[in-house]
Amino acid sequence: MPEPAPAGTVSSNRGVMIVLSYLWILALVPLLVEKDDQEVQWHAKHGIVLMVAEIVFWIAFNILVYMIPFGCVFGLLGPLVALVFIGVHIVAMIKGLNGQRLIIPRLSDFATRF
């Protein structure tokens, strides 16, 4: 697992901003406020990409549930998937607060592009 790149300026609210980075739309706050702290920026971008991936997943999941026969049985997996997503957010927050990064294949690569 790669270690985080050294940050230029360390924000005094780094912990709060990292937690906000993984609270869905609230990831915009650290992205717009803490422009000088590269570590906070990385987590904010990662949180936004994770949020967009979840939205795309839920749209596809709901289309699938409504289009296939007996989709309601498949739809029972929804709450379990939601718990997995929440778990990923919690793990990402904890790792971020400990100075680490949660690397999710493909999503993390996409987040580092912008």
C-alpha atoms as a PDB file:
ATOM      1  CA  MET A   1       0.000   0.000   0.000  1.00  0.00           C
ATOM      2  CA  PRO A   2       1.542   3.319  -0.998  1.00  0.00           C
ATOM      3  CA  GLU A   3       2.089   5.858   1.717  1.00  0.00           C
ATOM      4  CA  PRO A   4       0.509   9.289   1.298  1.00  0.00           C
ATOM      5  CA  ALA A   5       2.533  11.917  -0.467  1.00  0.00           C
ATOM      6  CA  PRO A   6       3.893  14.601   1.833  1.00  0.00           C
ATOM      7  CA  ALA A   7       1.391  17.413   2.138  1.00  0.00           C
ATOM      8  CA  GLY A   8       2.440  20.987   1.439  1.00  0.00           C
ATOM      9  CA  THR A   9       0.480  22.716   4.154  1.00  0.00           C
ATOM     10  CA  VAL A  10      -1.059  20.784   7.031  1.00  0.00           C
ATOM     11  CA  SER A  11      -4.528  22.025   7.889  1.00  0.00           C
ATOM     12  CA  SER A  12      -5.420  22.558  11.536  1.00  0.00           C
ATOM     13  CA  ASN A  13      -8.786  20.878  10.796  1.00  0.00           C
ATOM     14  CA  ARG A  14      -7.300  17.936   8.917  1.00  0.00           C
ATOM     15  CA  GLY A  15      -9.172  15.292  10.927  1.00  0.00           C
ATOM     16  CA  VAL A  16     -12.548  16.952  10.506  1.00  0.00           C
ATOM     17  CA  MET A  17     -11.935  17.531   6.816  1.00  0.00           C
ATOM     18  CA  ILE A  18     -10.940  13.901   6.227  1.00  0.00           C
ATOM     19  CA  VAL A  19     -14.130  12.714   7.936  1.00  0.00           C
ATOM     20  CA  LEU A  20     -16.199  15.150   5.841  1.00  0.00           C
ATOM     21  CA  SER A  21     -14.474  13.784   2.734  1.00  0.00           C
ATOM     22  CA  TYR A  22     -16.294  10.488   3.141  1.00  0.00           C
ATOM     23  CA  LEU A  23     -19.730  11.868   4.011  1.00  0.00           C
ATOM     24  CA  TRP A  24     -21.059  11.869   0.452  1.00  0.00           C
ATOM     25  CA  ILE A  25     -21.901  15.402  -0.793  1.00  0.00           C
ATOM     26  CA  LEU A  26     -20.114  16.976   2.188  1.00  0.00           C
ATOM     27  CA  ALA A  27     -16.865  15.990   0.449  1.00  0.00           C
ATOM     28  CA  LEU A  28     -17.226  19.253  -1.459  1.00  0.00           C
ATOM     29  CA  VAL A  29     -16.463  21.206   1.737  1.00  0.00           C
ATOM     30  CA  PRO A  30     -12.852  19.992   2.156  1.00  0.00           C
ATOM     31  CA  LEU A  31     -12.334  20.029  -1.603  1.00  0.00           C
ATOM     32  CA  LEU A  32     -13.226  23.726  -1.782  1.00  0.00           C
ATOM     33  CA  VAL A  33     -11.948  24.911   1.618  1.00  0.00           C
ATOM     34  CA  GLU A  34      -8.615  23.112   2.116  1.00  0.00           C
ATOM     35  CA  LYS A  35      -6.934  23.701  -1.238  1.00  0.00           C
ATOM     36  CA  ASP A  36      -3.405  23.820   0.221  1.00  0.00           C
ATOM     37  CA  ASP A  37      -3.483  20.516   2.116  1.00  0.00           C
ATOM     38  CA  GLN A  38      -2.740  17.835  -0.489  1.00  0.00           C
ATOM     39  CA  GLU A  39      -3.727  14.979   1.824  1.00  0.00           C
ATOM     40  CA  VAL A  40      -7.168  16.469   2.479  1.00  0.00           C
ATOM     41  CA  GLN A  41      -7.559  17.102  -1.250  1.00  0.00           C
ATOM     42  CA  TRP A  42      -6.753  13.453  -2.012  1.00  0.00           C
ATOM     43  CA  HIS A  43      -9.333  12.205   0.489  1.00  0.00           C
ATOM     44  CA  ALA A  44     -11.964  14.692  -0.747  1.00  0.00           C
ATOM     45  CA  LYS A  45     -11.463  13.616  -4.360  1.00  0.00           C
ATOM     46  CA  HIS A  46     -11.555   9.973  -3.329  1.00  0.00           C
ATOM     47  CA  GLY A  47     -14.780  10.574  -1.379  1.00  0.00           C
ATOM     48  CA  ILE A  48     -16.417  12.273  -4.359  1.00  0.00           C
ATOM     49  CA  VAL A  49     -15.434   9.458  -6.718  1.00  0.00           C
ATOM     50  CA  LEU A  50     -16.766   6.939  -4.196  1.00  0.00           C
ATOM     51  CA  MET A  51     -20.044   8.860  -3.964  1.00  0.00           C
ATOM     52  CA  VAL A  52     -20.443   8.977  -7.759  1.00  0.00           C
ATOM     53  CA  ALA A  53     -19.671   5.250  -8.000  1.00  0.00           C
ATOM     54  CA  GLU A  54     -22.363   4.553  -5.397  1.00  0.00           C
ATOM     55  CA  ILE A  55     -24.924   6.660  -7.258  1.00  0.00           C
ATOM     56  CA  VAL A  56     -24.151   4.840 -10.520  1.00  0.00           C
ATOM     57  CA  PHE A  57     -24.374   1.492  -8.716  1.00  0.00           C
ATOM     58  CA  TRP A  58     -27.742   2.297  -7.123  1.00  0.00           C
ATOM     59  CA  ILE A  59     -29.213   3.507 -10.406  1.00  0.00           C
ATOM     60  CA  ALA A  60     -28.094   0.321 -12.176  1.00  0.00           C
ATOM     61  CA  PHE A  61     -29.234  -1.821  -9.248  1.00  0.00           C
ATOM     62  CA  ASN A  62     -32.718  -0.299  -9.222  1.00  0.00           C
ATOM     63  CA  ILE A  63     -33.085  -0.620 -12.980  1.00  0.00           C
ATOM     64  CA  LEU A  64     -32.075  -4.260 -12.698  1.00  0.00           C
ATOM     65  CA  VAL A  65     -34.467  -4.923  -9.818  1.00  0.00           C
ATOM     66  CA  TYR A  66     -37.412  -3.469 -11.717  1.00  0.00           C
ATOM     67  CA  MET A  67     -36.616  -5.052 -15.072  1.00  0.00           C
ATOM     68  CA  ILE A  68     -35.967  -8.686 -14.213  1.00  0.00           C
ATOM     69  CA  PRO A  69     -38.687 -11.104 -13.177  1.00  0.00           C
ATOM     70  CA  PHE A  70     -38.735 -11.678  -9.434  1.00  0.00           C
ATOM     71  CA  GLY A  71     -36.524  -8.627  -9.011  1.00  0.00           C
ATOM     72  CA  CYS A  72     -37.976  -8.075  -5.566  1.00  0.00           C
ATOM     73  CA  VAL A  73     -36.033 -11.126  -4.356  1.00  0.00           C
ATOM     74  CA  PHE A  74     -32.869  -9.614  -5.814  1.00  0.00           C
ATOM     75  CA  GLY A  75     -33.851  -6.310  -4.230  1.00  0.00           C
ATOM     76  CA  LEU A  76     -33.512  -7.864  -0.777  1.00  0.00           C
ATOM     77  CA  LEU A  77     -29.750  -7.586  -1.235  1.00  0.00           C
ATOM     78  CA  GLY A  78     -30.024  -3.787  -1.274  1.00  0.00           C
ATOM     79  CA  PRO A  79     -29.731  -3.268   2.490  1.00  0.00           C
ATOM     80  CA  LEU A  80     -26.706  -5.577   2.654  1.00  0.00           C
ATOM     81  CA  VAL A  81     -24.994  -3.672  -0.143  1.00  0.00           C
ATOM     82  CA  ALA A  82     -25.786  -0.405   1.640  1.00  0.00           C
ATOM     83  CA  LEU A  83     -24.089  -1.733   4.786  1.00  0.00           C
ATOM     84  CA  VAL A  84     -21.022  -2.636   2.741  1.00  0.00           C
ATOM     85  CA  PHE A  85     -20.875   0.898   1.330  1.00  0.00           C
ATOM     86  CA  ILE A  86     -21.187   2.401   4.802  1.00  0.00           C
ATOM     87  CA  GLY A  87     -18.446   0.070   6.004  1.00  0.00           C
ATOM     88  CA  VAL A  88     -16.152   1.241   3.209  1.00  0.00           C
ATOM     89  CA  HIS A  89     -16.781   4.864   4.218  1.00  0.00           C
ATOM     90  CA  ILE A  90     -16.008   4.099   7.877  1.00  0.00           C
ATOM     91  CA  VAL A  91     -12.802   2.218   7.030  1.00  0.00           C
ATOM     92  CA  ALA A  92     -11.721   5.070   4.732  1.00  0.00           C
ATOM     93  CA  MET A  93     -12.336   7.599   7.526  1.00  0.00           C
ATOM     94  CA  ILE A  94     -10.386   5.573  10.083  1.00  0.00           C
ATOM     95  CA  LYS A  95      -7.462   5.011   7.739  1.00  0.00           C
ATOM     96  CA  GLY A  96      -7.466   8.699   6.797  1.00  0.00           C
ATOM     97  CA  LEU A  97      -7.420   9.777  10.439  1.00  0.00           C
ATOM     98  CA  ASN A  98      -4.461   7.438  11.008  1.00  0.00           C
ATOM     99  CA  GLY A  99      -2.503   9.010   8.156  1.00  0.00           C
ATOM    100  CA  GLN A 100      -3.150   6.197   5.691  1.00  0.00           C
ATOM    101  CA  ARG A 101      -5.161   5.838   2.521  1.00  0.00           C
ATOM    102  CA  LEU A 102      -7.783   3.272   1.562  1.00  0.00           C
ATOM    103  CA  ILE A 103      -6.934   2.217  -1.970  1.00  0.00           C
ATOM    104  CA  ILE A 104      -9.916   0.861  -3.883  1.00  0.00           C
ATOM    105  CA  PRO A 105      -8.886  -0.644  -7.234  1.00  0.00           C
ATOM    106  CA  ARG A 106      -9.934   1.479 -10.217  1.00  0.00           C
ATOM    107  CA  LEU A 107     -11.784   4.049  -8.086  1.00  0.00           C
ATOM    108  CA  SER A 108      -8.615   5.297  -6.402  1.00  0.00           C
ATOM    109  CA  ASP A 109      -6.854   5.418  -9.766  1.00  0.00           C
ATOM    110  CA  PHE A 110      -9.679   7.519 -11.143  1.00  0.00           C
ATOM    111  CA  ALA A 111      -9.624   9.830  -8.110  1.00  0.00           C
ATOM    112  CA  THR A 112      -5.920  10.601  -8.551  1.00  0.00           C
ATOM    113  CA  ARG A 113      -6.477  11.691 -12.167  1.00  0.00           C
ATOM    114  CA  PHE A 114      -8.287  14.908 -11.293  1.00  0.00           C
END
